[in-house]
């Protein structure tokens, strides 16, 4: 039981961000070279997923500091920075989606789309990107399912929309390739038609980011008031030295609490787990609206080497081993 478990949450999220950004660049690059508007739209949708995950990282960074003054200052900066950054990313995504939609409408209302010389490359990229995206999803979903069932469900729903978008793009590319090969001009409109549908996914994503930013800010203010009650309750548990991290998220009428506590680094892993279980039980019994509590115990770090005047009575594993 070490500090490595807590950063792993961000590691899993950052892996998804890096994967989506890479897919976005590859899709957009090959879409531009192949003159495939649908692949461009799919690349923008991957970028919007990365932006959505990135904006979701800002709220939790404010609670990782240990000193009260620095923590309060960090929280204030986070409240100011997060909405601005999220809205900026949302506006950029909306502008990109609108531009692709206008371009797709122009192609659909005009003459037969131009011949696409590198459609095969676009098709290969679309297939490969779909496989890579599914691999990233399986990795993140398994991690989130172990950590938070409701979070895993929300992530699965988000992935389902991305999968629909990629499949529509794939059908559009295959249809246009078929029209190109068979000489059926009507099928060559399938790529811009798929681009128009994919741009709707992008616009919906940008809209949801703005709504979540506004709603998330209101919910966070409510949580700051209730967090004091949660903290006071947890601090009554014998063995807890400090509260390193506490976030309470409201989902409909239920509240989910994520908590990181620090304990004596000289106690055993089993004793630390018992302390965490007592804190969890106390929160669930005292607050009826709290339905899920996730607690991690980490060794207390006062900023200098922890010293003890006595040796351990037995060679049992401790938190700092």
C-alpha atoms as a PDB file:
ATOM      1  CA  UNK A   1       0.000   0.000   0.000  1.00  0.00           C
ATOM      2  CA  UNK A   2       1.978   2.969  -1.285  1.00  0.00           C
ATOM      3  CA  UNK A   3       1.483   6.323  -2.955  1.00  0.00           C
ATOM      4  CA  UNK A   4       1.739   4.696  -6.360  1.00  0.00           C
ATOM      5  CA  UNK A   5      -1.937   3.695  -6.409  1.00  0.00           C
ATOM      6  CA  UNK A   6      -3.246   7.248  -6.275  1.00  0.00           C
ATOM      7  CA  UNK A   7      -1.289   8.596  -9.301  1.00  0.00           C
ATOM      8  CA  UNK A   8      -2.359   5.495 -11.259  1.00  0.00           C
ATOM      9  CA  UNK A   9      -5.776   7.131 -11.659  1.00  0.00           C
ATOM     10  CA  UNK A  10      -4.164   9.935 -13.615  1.00  0.00           C
ATOM     11  CA  UNK A  11      -1.899   7.467 -15.428  1.00  0.00           C
ATOM     12  CA  UNK A  12      -4.919   5.615 -16.801  1.00  0.00           C
ATOM     13  CA  UNK A  13      -6.572   8.889 -17.817  1.00  0.00           C
ATOM     14  CA  UNK A  14      -3.425  10.255 -19.434  1.00  0.00           C
ATOM     15  CA  UNK A  15      -2.980   7.050 -21.437  1.00  0.00           C
ATOM     16  CA  UNK A  16      -6.437   7.621 -22.915  1.00  0.00           C
ATOM     17  CA  UNK A  17      -5.656  11.272 -23.647  1.00  0.00           C
ATOM     18  CA  UNK A  18      -2.391  10.379 -25.381  1.00  0.00           C
ATOM     19  CA  UNK A  19      -4.074   7.620 -27.374  1.00  0.00           C
ATOM     20  CA  UNK A  20      -6.937   9.839 -28.535  1.00  0.00           C
ATOM     21  CA  UNK A  21      -4.589  12.668 -29.489  1.00  0.00           C
ATOM     22  CA  UNK A  22      -2.422  10.271 -31.493  1.00  0.00           C
ATOM     23  CA  UNK A  23      -5.461   8.862 -33.267  1.00  0.00           C
ATOM     24  CA  UNK A  24      -6.735  12.381 -33.931  1.00  0.00           C
ATOM     25  CA  UNK A  25      -3.479  13.431 -35.614  1.00  0.00           C
ATOM     26  CA  UNK A  26      -3.274  10.254 -37.711  1.00  0.00           C
ATOM     27  CA  UNK A  27      -6.920  10.381 -38.797  1.00  0.00           C
ATOM     28  CA  UNK A  28      -6.788  14.073 -39.625  1.00  0.00           C
ATOM     29  CA  UNK A  29      -3.512  13.700 -41.535  1.00  0.00           C
ATOM     30  CA  UNK A  30      -4.641  10.797 -43.695  1.00  0.00           C
ATOM     31  CA  UNK A  31      -8.106  12.293 -44.054  1.00  0.00           C
ATOM     32  CA  UNK A  32      -6.590  15.473 -45.448  1.00  0.00           C
ATOM     33  CA  UNK A  33      -4.283  13.586 -47.842  1.00  0.00           C
ATOM     34  CA  UNK A  34      -7.116  11.338 -49.050  1.00  0.00           C
ATOM     35  CA  UNK A  35      -9.603  14.232 -49.221  1.00  0.00           C
ATOM     36  CA  UNK A  36     -11.883  12.280 -46.885  1.00  0.00           C
ATOM     37  CA  UNK A  37     -14.054  14.671 -44.915  1.00  0.00           C
ATOM     38  CA  UNK A  38     -15.489  11.843 -42.831  1.00  0.00           C
ATOM     39  CA  UNK A  39     -12.055  10.740 -41.607  1.00  0.00           C
ATOM     40  CA  UNK A  40     -11.273  14.365 -40.775  1.00  0.00           C
ATOM     41  CA  UNK A  41     -14.467  14.538 -38.724  1.00  0.00           C
ATOM     42  CA  UNK A  42     -13.592  11.301 -36.951  1.00  0.00           C
ATOM     43  CA  UNK A  43     -10.178  12.730 -36.117  1.00  0.00           C
ATOM     44  CA  UNK A  44     -11.815  15.818 -34.645  1.00  0.00           C
ATOM     45  CA  UNK A  45     -14.105  13.609 -32.574  1.00  0.00           C
ATOM     46  CA  UNK A  46     -11.073  11.785 -31.156  1.00  0.00           C
ATOM     47  CA  UNK A  47      -9.553  15.171 -30.324  1.00  0.00           C
ATOM     48  CA  UNK A  48     -12.777  16.182 -28.562  1.00  0.00           C
ATOM     49  CA  UNK A  49     -12.608  13.033 -26.420  1.00  0.00           C
ATOM     50  CA  UNK A  50      -9.043  13.903 -25.426  1.00  0.00           C
ATOM     51  CA  UNK A  51     -10.100  17.471 -24.601  1.00  0.00           C
ATOM     52  CA  UNK A  52     -13.003  16.215 -22.500  1.00  0.00           C
ATOM     53  CA  UNK A  53     -10.721  13.922 -20.499  1.00  0.00           C
ATOM     54  CA  UNK A  54      -8.150  16.692 -20.125  1.00  0.00           C
ATOM     55  CA  UNK A  55     -10.662  19.169 -18.729  1.00  0.00           C
ATOM     56  CA  UNK A  56     -11.796  16.537 -16.249  1.00  0.00           C
ATOM     57  CA  UNK A  57      -8.333  16.390 -14.684  1.00  0.00           C
ATOM     58  CA  UNK A  58      -8.357  19.942 -13.346  1.00  0.00           C
ATOM     59  CA  UNK A  59     -10.706  19.650 -10.334  1.00  0.00           C
ATOM     60  CA  UNK A  60      -8.734  16.983  -8.475  1.00  0.00           C
ATOM     61  CA  UNK A  61      -5.359  18.672  -8.528  1.00  0.00           C
ATOM     62  CA  UNK A  62      -6.378  21.250  -5.984  1.00  0.00           C
ATOM     63  CA  UNK A  63      -6.712  18.769  -3.138  1.00  0.00           C
ATOM     64  CA  UNK A  64      -3.333  17.089  -3.328  1.00  0.00           C
ATOM     65  CA  UNK A  65      -1.384  19.657  -1.322  1.00  0.00           C
ATOM     66  CA  UNK A  66      -0.872  19.168   2.383  1.00  0.00           C
ATOM     67  CA  UNK A  67      -0.466  22.653   3.768  1.00  0.00           C
ATOM     68  CA  UNK A  68      -3.725  24.506   4.347  1.00  0.00           C
ATOM     69  CA  UNK A  69      -2.747  27.885   2.868  1.00  0.00           C
ATOM     70  CA  UNK A  70      -1.349  26.366  -0.293  1.00  0.00           C
ATOM     71  CA  UNK A  71      -4.345  24.049  -0.614  1.00  0.00           C
ATOM     72  CA  UNK A  72      -6.867  26.887  -0.390  1.00  0.00           C
ATOM     73  CA  UNK A  73      -4.892  28.953  -2.881  1.00  0.00           C
ATOM     74  CA  UNK A  74      -4.687  25.999  -5.256  1.00  0.00           C
ATOM     75  CA  UNK A  75      -8.439  25.370  -4.979  1.00  0.00           C
ATOM     76  CA  UNK A  76      -9.199  28.976  -5.847  1.00  0.00           C
ATOM     77  CA  UNK A  77      -6.918  28.861  -8.886  1.00  0.00           C
ATOM     78  CA  UNK A  78      -8.540  25.596  -9.990  1.00  0.00           C
ATOM     79  CA  UNK A  79     -12.054  27.069  -9.772  1.00  0.00           C
ATOM     80  CA  UNK A  80     -10.988  29.980 -11.956  1.00  0.00           C
ATOM     81  CA  UNK A  81      -8.862  28.066 -14.470  1.00  0.00           C
ATOM     82  CA  UNK A  82     -10.979  24.983 -15.099  1.00  0.00           C
ATOM     83  CA  UNK A  83     -14.137  26.653 -16.498  1.00  0.00           C
ATOM     84  CA  UNK A  84     -12.095  28.942 -18.729  1.00  0.00           C
ATOM     85  CA  UNK A  85      -9.974  26.150 -20.176  1.00  0.00           C
ATOM     86  CA  UNK A  86     -12.952  23.824 -20.609  1.00  0.00           C
ATOM     87  CA  UNK A  87     -15.039  26.477 -22.356  1.00  0.00           C
ATOM     88  CA  UNK A  88     -12.113  27.382 -24.627  1.00  0.00           C
ATOM     89  CA  UNK A  89     -11.644  23.747 -25.652  1.00  0.00           C
ATOM     90  CA  UNK A  90     -15.397  23.384 -26.162  1.00  0.00           C
ATOM     91  CA  UNK A  91     -15.567  26.445 -28.415  1.00  0.00           C
ATOM     92  CA  UNK A  92     -12.662  25.179 -30.529  1.00  0.00           C
ATOM     93  CA  UNK A  93     -14.368  21.804 -30.906  1.00  0.00           C
ATOM     94  CA  UNK A  94     -17.686  23.421 -31.831  1.00  0.00           C
ATOM     95  CA  UNK A  95     -15.987  25.628 -34.423  1.00  0.00           C
ATOM     96  CA  UNK A  96     -14.199  22.628 -35.946  1.00  0.00           C
ATOM     97  CA  UNK A  97     -17.380  20.561 -36.050  1.00  0.00           C
ATOM     98  CA  UNK A  98     -19.327  23.420 -37.611  1.00  0.00           C
ATOM     99  CA  UNK A  99     -16.649  23.936 -40.265  1.00  0.00           C
ATOM    100  CA  UNK A 100     -16.712  20.254 -41.245  1.00  0.00           C
ATOM    101  CA  UNK A 101     -20.525  20.257 -41.322  1.00  0.00           C
ATOM    102  CA  UNK A 102     -20.573  23.268 -43.662  1.00  0.00           C
ATOM    103  CA  UNK A 103     -17.951  21.659 -45.909  1.00  0.00           C
ATOM    104  CA  UNK A 104     -19.888  18.376 -45.999  1.00  0.00           C
ATOM    105  CA  UNK A 105     -23.127  20.183 -46.880  1.00  0.00           C
ATOM    106  CA  UNK A 106     -21.300  21.967 -49.673  1.00  0.00           C
ATOM    107  CA  UNK A 107     -20.123  18.644 -51.098  1.00  0.00           C
ATOM    108  CA  UNK A 108     -23.581  17.098 -50.831  1.00  0.00           C
ATOM    109  CA  UNK A 109     -25.300  20.032 -52.532  1.00  0.00           C
ATOM    110  CA  UNK A 110     -22.700  20.423 -55.275  1.00  0.00           C
ATOM    111  CA  UNK A 111     -21.392  18.280 -58.078  1.00  0.00           C
ATOM    112  CA  UNK A 112     -20.183  14.715 -57.667  1.00  0.00           C
ATOM    113  CA  UNK A 113     -17.282  14.685 -55.177  1.00  0.00           C
ATOM    114  CA  UNK A 114     -13.808  14.605 -56.624  1.00  0.00           C
ATOM    115  CA  UNK A 115     -12.024  11.319 -57.147  1.00  0.00           C
ATOM    116  CA  UNK A 116     -10.169  10.187 -54.037  1.00  0.00           C
ATOM    117  CA  UNK A 117      -6.736   8.903 -54.964  1.00  0.00           C
ATOM    118  CA  UNK A 118      -5.758   7.492 -51.561  1.00  0.00           C
ATOM    119  CA  UNK A 119      -9.009   5.967 -50.398  1.00  0.00           C
ATOM    120  CA  UNK A 120      -7.256   2.668 -49.634  1.00  0.00           C
ATOM    121  CA  UNK A 121      -4.977   4.446 -47.158  1.00  0.00           C
ATOM    122  CA  UNK A 122      -7.970   6.099 -45.524  1.00  0.00           C
ATOM    123  CA  UNK A 123      -9.746   2.755 -45.200  1.00  0.00           C
ATOM    124  CA  UNK A 124      -6.704   1.088 -43.616  1.00  0.00           C
ATOM    125  CA  UNK A 125      -6.303   3.978 -41.169  1.00  0.00           C
ATOM    126  CA  UNK A 126     -10.001   3.854 -40.251  1.00  0.00           C
ATOM    127  CA  UNK A 127      -9.809   0.114 -39.529  1.00  0.00           C
ATOM    128  CA  UNK A 128      -6.542   0.387 -37.596  1.00  0.00           C
ATOM    129  CA  UNK A 129      -7.775   3.364 -35.562  1.00  0.00           C
ATOM    130  CA  UNK A 130     -10.921   1.458 -34.641  1.00  0.00           C
ATOM    131  CA  UNK A 131      -8.837  -1.473 -33.371  1.00  0.00           C
ATOM    132  CA  UNK A 132      -6.488   0.788 -31.381  1.00  0.00           C
ATOM    133  CA  UNK A 133      -9.420   2.694 -29.906  1.00  0.00           C
ATOM    134  CA  UNK A 134     -11.007  -0.555 -28.747  1.00  0.00           C
ATOM    135  CA  UNK A 135      -7.730  -1.652 -27.130  1.00  0.00           C
ATOM    136  CA  UNK A 136      -7.483   1.647 -25.235  1.00  0.00           C
ATOM    137  CA  UNK A 137     -11.087   1.294 -24.131  1.00  0.00           C
ATOM    138  CA  UNK A 138     -10.575  -2.232 -22.798  1.00  0.00           C
ATOM    139  CA  UNK A 139      -7.562  -1.102 -20.759  1.00  0.00           C
ATOM    140  CA  UNK A 140      -9.295   1.918 -19.243  1.00  0.00           C
ATOM    141  CA  UNK A 141     -12.631   0.185 -18.717  1.00  0.00           C
ATOM    142  CA  UNK A 142     -11.078  -2.676 -16.749  1.00  0.00           C
ATOM    143  CA  UNK A 143      -9.239  -0.201 -14.566  1.00  0.00           C
ATOM    144  CA  UNK A 144     -12.271   2.022 -13.927  1.00  0.00           C
ATOM    145  CA  UNK A 145     -14.488  -1.015 -13.264  1.00  0.00           C
ATOM    146  CA  UNK A 146     -12.223  -2.098 -10.407  1.00  0.00           C
ATOM    147  CA  UNK A 147     -12.140   1.421  -9.016  1.00  0.00           C
ATOM    148  CA  UNK A 148     -15.642   2.832  -9.556  1.00  0.00           C
ATOM    149  CA  UNK A 149     -18.554   0.975 -11.158  1.00  0.00           C
ATOM    150  CA  UNK A 150     -20.536   4.121 -11.999  1.00  0.00           C
ATOM    151  CA  UNK A 151     -17.485   5.746 -13.572  1.00  0.00           C
ATOM    152  CA  UNK A 152     -16.916   2.637 -15.689  1.00  0.00           C
ATOM    153  CA  UNK A 153     -20.539   2.745 -16.879  1.00  0.00           C
ATOM    154  CA  UNK A 154     -20.245   6.406 -17.891  1.00  0.00           C
ATOM    155  CA  UNK A 155     -17.007   5.673 -19.738  1.00  0.00           C
ATOM    156  CA  UNK A 156     -18.636   2.741 -21.570  1.00  0.00           C
ATOM    157  CA  UNK A 157     -21.479   4.991 -22.739  1.00  0.00           C
ATOM    158  CA  UNK A 158     -18.985   7.556 -23.980  1.00  0.00           C
ATOM    159  CA  UNK A 159     -17.062   4.866 -25.856  1.00  0.00           C
ATOM    160  CA  UNK A 160     -20.273   3.597 -27.444  1.00  0.00           C
ATOM    161  CA  UNK A 161     -20.911   7.001 -29.017  1.00  0.00           C
ATOM    162  CA  UNK A 162     -17.330   7.141 -30.290  1.00  0.00           C
ATOM    163  CA  UNK A 163     -17.731   3.640 -31.725  1.00  0.00           C
ATOM    164  CA  UNK A 164     -20.900   4.647 -33.581  1.00  0.00           C
ATOM    165  CA  UNK A 165     -19.090   7.657 -35.027  1.00  0.00           C
ATOM    166  CA  UNK A 166     -16.143   5.560 -36.243  1.00  0.00           C
ATOM    167  CA  UNK A 167     -18.429   2.908 -37.749  1.00  0.00           C
ATOM    168  CA  UNK A 168     -20.406   5.551 -39.646  1.00  0.00           C
ATOM    169  CA  UNK A 169     -17.160   6.966 -41.009  1.00  0.00           C
ATOM    170  CA  UNK A 170     -16.016   3.482 -42.002  1.00  0.00           C
ATOM    171  CA  UNK A 171     -19.271   2.845 -43.867  1.00  0.00           C
ATOM    172  CA  UNK A 172     -18.926   6.202 -45.620  1.00  0.00           C
ATOM    173  CA  UNK A 173     -15.394   5.437 -46.788  1.00  0.00           C
ATOM    174  CA  UNK A 174     -16.316   1.933 -47.979  1.00  0.00           C
ATOM    175  CA  UNK A 175     -19.362   3.283 -49.793  1.00  0.00           C
ATOM    176  CA  UNK A 176     -17.361   5.977 -51.562  1.00  0.00           C
ATOM    177  CA  UNK A 177     -14.682   3.429 -52.510  1.00  0.00           C
ATOM    178  CA  UNK A 178     -17.391   1.196 -53.963  1.00  0.00           C
ATOM    179  CA  UNK A 179     -18.844   4.082 -55.941  1.00  0.00           C
ATOM    180  CA  UNK A 180     -15.363   4.988 -57.170  1.00  0.00           C
ATOM    181  CA  UNK A 181     -14.665   1.419 -58.286  1.00  0.00           C
ATOM    182  CA  UNK A 182     -18.073   0.599 -59.771  1.00  0.00           C
ATOM    183  CA  UNK A 183     -18.624   3.999 -61.306  1.00  0.00           C
ATOM    184  CA  UNK A 184     -21.762   4.685 -59.271  1.00  0.00           C
ATOM    185  CA  UNK A 185     -21.671   8.392 -58.675  1.00  0.00           C
ATOM    186  CA  UNK A 186     -24.424   8.337 -56.054  1.00  0.00           C
ATOM    187  CA  UNK A 187     -22.282   6.259 -53.691  1.00  0.00           C
ATOM    188  CA  UNK A 188     -19.490   8.807 -53.851  1.00  0.00           C
ATOM    189  CA  UNK A 189     -21.680  11.073 -51.736  1.00  0.00           C
ATOM    190  CA  UNK A 190     -21.429   8.648 -48.824  1.00  0.00           C
ATOM    191  CA  UNK A 191     -18.166  10.105 -47.550  1.00  0.00           C
ATOM    192  CA  UNK A 192     -19.494  13.681 -47.166  1.00  0.00           C
ATOM    193  CA  UNK A 193     -22.760  12.251 -45.792  1.00  0.00           C
ATOM    194  CA  UNK A 194     -20.796  10.339 -43.163  1.00  0.00           C
ATOM    195  CA  UNK A 195     -18.793  13.499 -42.465  1.00  0.00           C
ATOM    196  CA  UNK A 196     -22.022  15.417 -41.828  1.00  0.00           C
ATOM    197  CA  UNK A 197     -23.233  12.787 -39.357  1.00  0.00           C
ATOM    198  CA  UNK A 198     -19.826  12.616 -37.658  1.00  0.00           C
ATOM    199  CA  UNK A 199     -19.774  16.402 -37.329  1.00  0.00           C
ATOM    200  CA  UNK A 200     -23.061  16.132 -35.401  1.00  0.00           C
ATOM    201  CA  UNK A 201     -21.282  13.834 -32.944  1.00  0.00           C
ATOM    202  CA  UNK A 202     -18.534  16.447 -32.616  1.00  0.00           C
ATOM    203  CA  UNK A 203     -21.022  19.276 -32.058  1.00  0.00           C
ATOM    204  CA  UNK A 204     -22.849  17.209 -29.448  1.00  0.00           C
ATOM    205  CA  UNK A 205     -19.544  16.528 -27.688  1.00  0.00           C
ATOM    206  CA  UNK A 206     -18.677  20.215 -27.572  1.00  0.00           C
ATOM    207  CA  UNK A 207     -22.127  21.078 -26.266  1.00  0.00           C
ATOM    208  CA  UNK A 208     -21.901  18.441 -23.534  1.00  0.00           C
ATOM    209  CA  UNK A 209     -18.504  19.774 -22.468  1.00  0.00           C
ATOM    210  CA  UNK A 210     -19.955  23.252 -21.961  1.00  0.00           C
ATOM    211  CA  UNK A 211     -22.968  21.896 -20.048  1.00  0.00           C
ATOM    212  CA  UNK A 212     -20.755  19.698 -17.864  1.00  0.00           C
ATOM    213  CA  UNK A 213     -18.458  22.636 -17.151  1.00  0.00           C
ATOM    214  CA  UNK A 214     -21.302  24.864 -15.956  1.00  0.00           C
ATOM    215  CA  UNK A 215     -23.056  22.091 -14.031  1.00  0.00           C
ATOM    216  CA  UNK A 216     -19.786  20.792 -12.596  1.00  0.00           C
ATOM    217  CA  UNK A 217     -18.923  24.243 -11.227  1.00  0.00           C
ATOM    218  CA  UNK A 218     -22.275  24.461  -9.430  1.00  0.00           C
ATOM    219  CA  UNK A 219     -21.915  20.977  -7.998  1.00  0.00           C
ATOM    220  CA  UNK A 220     -18.375  21.680  -6.800  1.00  0.00           C
ATOM    221  CA  UNK A 221     -19.527  24.673  -4.735  1.00  0.00           C
ATOM    222  CA  UNK A 222     -22.108  22.448  -3.040  1.00  0.00           C
ATOM    223  CA  UNK A 223     -19.481  19.813  -2.358  1.00  0.00           C
ATOM    224  CA  UNK A 224     -17.130  22.315  -0.735  1.00  0.00           C
ATOM    225  CA  UNK A 225     -19.771  23.039   1.905  1.00  0.00           C
ATOM    226  CA  UNK A 226     -20.579  19.382   2.565  1.00  0.00           C
ATOM    227  CA  UNK A 227     -16.925  18.315   2.522  1.00  0.00           C
ATOM    228  CA  UNK A 228     -16.409  19.846   5.974  1.00  0.00           C
ATOM    229  CA  UNK A 229     -18.902  17.396   7.500  1.00  0.00           C
ATOM    230  CA  UNK A 230     -17.229  14.475   5.758  1.00  0.00           C
ATOM    231  CA  UNK A 231     -13.785  15.592   6.930  1.00  0.00           C
ATOM    232  CA  UNK A 232     -14.870  16.084  10.527  1.00  0.00           C
ATOM    233  CA  UNK A 233     -16.382  12.605  10.562  1.00  0.00           C
ATOM    234  CA  UNK A 234     -13.303  10.931   9.099  1.00  0.00           C
ATOM    235  CA  UNK A 235     -10.919  12.746  11.437  1.00  0.00           C
ATOM    236  CA  UNK A 236     -12.680  11.161  14.419  1.00  0.00           C
ATOM    237  CA  UNK A 237     -11.407   7.738  13.389  1.00  0.00           C
ATOM    238  CA  UNK A 238      -8.476   6.656  15.540  1.00  0.00           C
ATOM    239  CA  UNK A 239      -5.301   6.167  13.510  1.00  0.00           C
ATOM    240  CA  UNK A 240      -5.928   8.776  10.796  1.00  0.00           C
ATOM    241  CA  UNK A 241      -3.308  11.530  10.859  1.00  0.00           C
ATOM    242  CA  UNK A 242      -4.413  13.754   7.968  1.00  0.00           C
ATOM    243  CA  UNK A 243      -6.794  13.780   5.025  1.00  0.00           C
ATOM    244  CA  UNK A 244      -4.722  14.073   1.864  1.00  0.00           C
ATOM    245  CA  UNK A 245      -7.532  14.030  -0.694  1.00  0.00           C
ATOM    246  CA  UNK A 246     -11.315  14.237  -0.497  1.00  0.00           C
ATOM    247  CA  UNK A 247     -13.752  14.618  -3.382  1.00  0.00           C
ATOM    248  CA  UNK A 248     -17.514  14.098  -3.092  1.00  0.00           C
ATOM    249  CA  UNK A 249     -19.392  13.677  -6.363  1.00  0.00           C
ATOM    250  CA  UNK A 250     -23.163  13.884  -6.577  1.00  0.00           C
ATOM    251  CA  UNK A 251     -24.883  11.510  -8.995  1.00  0.00           C
ATOM    252  CA  UNK A 252     -28.630  12.163  -9.035  1.00  0.00           C
ATOM    253  CA  UNK A 253     -29.551  11.767  -5.338  1.00  0.00           C
ATOM    254  CA  UNK A 254     -26.517   9.717  -4.319  1.00  0.00           C
ATOM    255  CA  UNK A 255     -23.042  10.848  -3.292  1.00  0.00           C
ATOM    256  CA  UNK A 256     -19.777   9.082  -4.043  1.00  0.00           C
ATOM    257  CA  UNK A 257     -16.741   9.938  -1.922  1.00  0.00           C
ATOM    258  CA  UNK A 258     -13.123   9.441  -2.965  1.00  0.00           C
ATOM    259  CA  UNK A 259     -10.785   9.716  -0.010  1.00  0.00           C
ATOM    260  CA  UNK A 260      -7.051   9.399   0.599  1.00  0.00           C
ATOM    261  CA  UNK A 261      -5.931   9.329   4.227  1.00  0.00           C
ATOM    262  CA  UNK A 262      -2.454   9.310   5.747  1.00  0.00           C
ATOM    263  CA  UNK A 263      -1.573   6.989   8.601  1.00  0.00           C
ATOM    264  CA  UNK A 264       1.486   6.128  10.654  1.00  0.00           C
ATOM    265  CA  UNK A 265       4.062   4.703   8.209  1.00  0.00           C
ATOM    266  CA  UNK A 266       5.246   2.268  10.896  1.00  0.00           C
ATOM    267  CA  UNK A 267       1.998   0.325  11.104  1.00  0.00           C
ATOM    268  CA  UNK A 268       1.335  -2.772   9.042  1.00  0.00           C
ATOM    269  CA  UNK A 269      -0.606  -2.889   5.801  1.00  0.00           C
ATOM    270  CA  UNK A 270      -3.367  -4.861   7.521  1.00  0.00           C
ATOM    271  CA  UNK A 271      -3.709  -2.246  10.270  1.00  0.00           C
ATOM    272  CA  UNK A 272      -3.895   0.537   7.686  1.00  0.00           C
ATOM    273  CA  UNK A 273      -6.647  -1.345   5.867  1.00  0.00           C
ATOM    274  CA  UNK A 274      -8.590  -1.743   9.113  1.00  0.00           C
ATOM    275  CA  UNK A 275      -8.398   2.022   9.722  1.00  0.00           C
ATOM    276  CA  UNK A 276      -9.655   2.691   6.189  1.00  0.00           C
ATOM    277  CA  UNK A 277     -12.534   0.246   6.670  1.00  0.00           C
ATOM    278  CA  UNK A 278     -13.579   1.939   9.923  1.00  0.00           C
ATOM    279  CA  UNK A 279     -13.644   5.325   8.199  1.00  0.00           C
ATOM    280  CA  UNK A 280     -15.675   3.913   5.311  1.00  0.00           C
ATOM    281  CA  UNK A 281     -18.206   2.293   7.635  1.00  0.00           C
ATOM    282  CA  UNK A 282     -18.587   5.499   9.640  1.00  0.00           C
ATOM    283  CA  UNK A 283     -19.301   7.585   6.527  1.00  0.00           C
ATOM    284  CA  UNK A 284     -21.839   5.098   5.157  1.00  0.00           C
ATOM    285  CA  UNK A 285     -23.727   4.806   8.445  1.00  0.00           C
ATOM    286  CA  UNK A 286     -23.746   8.490   9.365  1.00  0.00           C
ATOM    287  CA  UNK A 287     -24.685   9.917   5.935  1.00  0.00           C
ATOM    288  CA  UNK A 288     -27.620   8.103   4.347  1.00  0.00           C
ATOM    289  CA  UNK A 289     -27.134   9.816   0.976  1.00  0.00           C
ATOM    290  CA  UNK A 290     -23.573   8.486   0.682  1.00  0.00           C
ATOM    291  CA  UNK A 291     -23.783   5.289  -1.356  1.00  0.00           C
ATOM    292  CA  UNK A 292     -20.154   4.591  -2.208  1.00  0.00           C
ATOM    293  CA  UNK A 293     -16.867   5.357  -0.450  1.00  0.00           C
ATOM    294  CA  UNK A 294     -13.438   4.662  -1.905  1.00  0.00           C
ATOM    295  CA  UNK A 295     -10.587   5.026   0.576  1.00  0.00           C
ATOM    296  CA  UNK A 296      -6.851   4.621   0.127  1.00  0.00           C
ATOM    297  CA  UNK A 297      -4.383   4.771   3.007  1.00  0.00           C
ATOM    298  CA  UNK A 298      -0.903   6.171   2.377  1.00  0.00           C
ATOM    299  CA  UNK A 299       2.043   6.654   4.759  1.00  0.00           C
ATOM    300  CA  UNK A 300       2.154  10.047   6.433  1.00  0.00           C
ATOM    301  CA  UNK A 301       4.986  12.244   5.155  1.00  0.00           C
ATOM    302  CA  UNK A 302       5.678  15.285   7.389  1.00  0.00           C
ATOM    303  CA  UNK A 303       8.371  16.589   5.035  1.00  0.00           C
ATOM    304  CA  UNK A 304      11.357  15.048   6.796  1.00  0.00           C
ATOM    305  CA  UNK A 305      12.463  11.456   7.496  1.00  0.00           C
ATOM    306  CA  UNK A 306      10.031   9.819   9.880  1.00  0.00           C
ATOM    307  CA  UNK A 307      11.821   8.696  13.044  1.00  0.00           C
ATOM    308  CA  UNK A 308      10.690   6.274  15.690  1.00  0.00           C
ATOM    309  CA  UNK A 309      12.168   5.676  19.141  1.00  0.00           C
ATOM    310  CA  UNK A 310      11.400   1.983  19.059  1.00  0.00           C
ATOM    311  CA  UNK A 311      11.955  -0.911  16.735  1.00  0.00           C
ATOM    312  CA  UNK A 312       9.160  -2.945  15.263  1.00  0.00           C
ATOM    313  CA  UNK A 313       8.220  -5.936  17.414  1.00  0.00           C
ATOM    314  CA  UNK A 314       8.170  -8.275  14.428  1.00  0.00           C
ATOM    315  CA  UNK A 315       9.260  -8.314  10.779  1.00  0.00           C
ATOM    316  CA  UNK A 316       5.705  -7.627   9.572  1.00  0.00           C
ATOM    317  CA  UNK A 317       5.423  -5.584   6.358  1.00  0.00           C
ATOM    318  CA  UNK A 318       4.753  -1.871   6.857  1.00  0.00           C
ATOM    319  CA  UNK A 319       3.549   0.916   4.586  1.00  0.00           C
ATOM    320  CA  UNK A 320       7.059   2.241   3.929  1.00  0.00           C
ATOM    321  CA  UNK A 321       8.541  -1.137   3.013  1.00  0.00           C
END
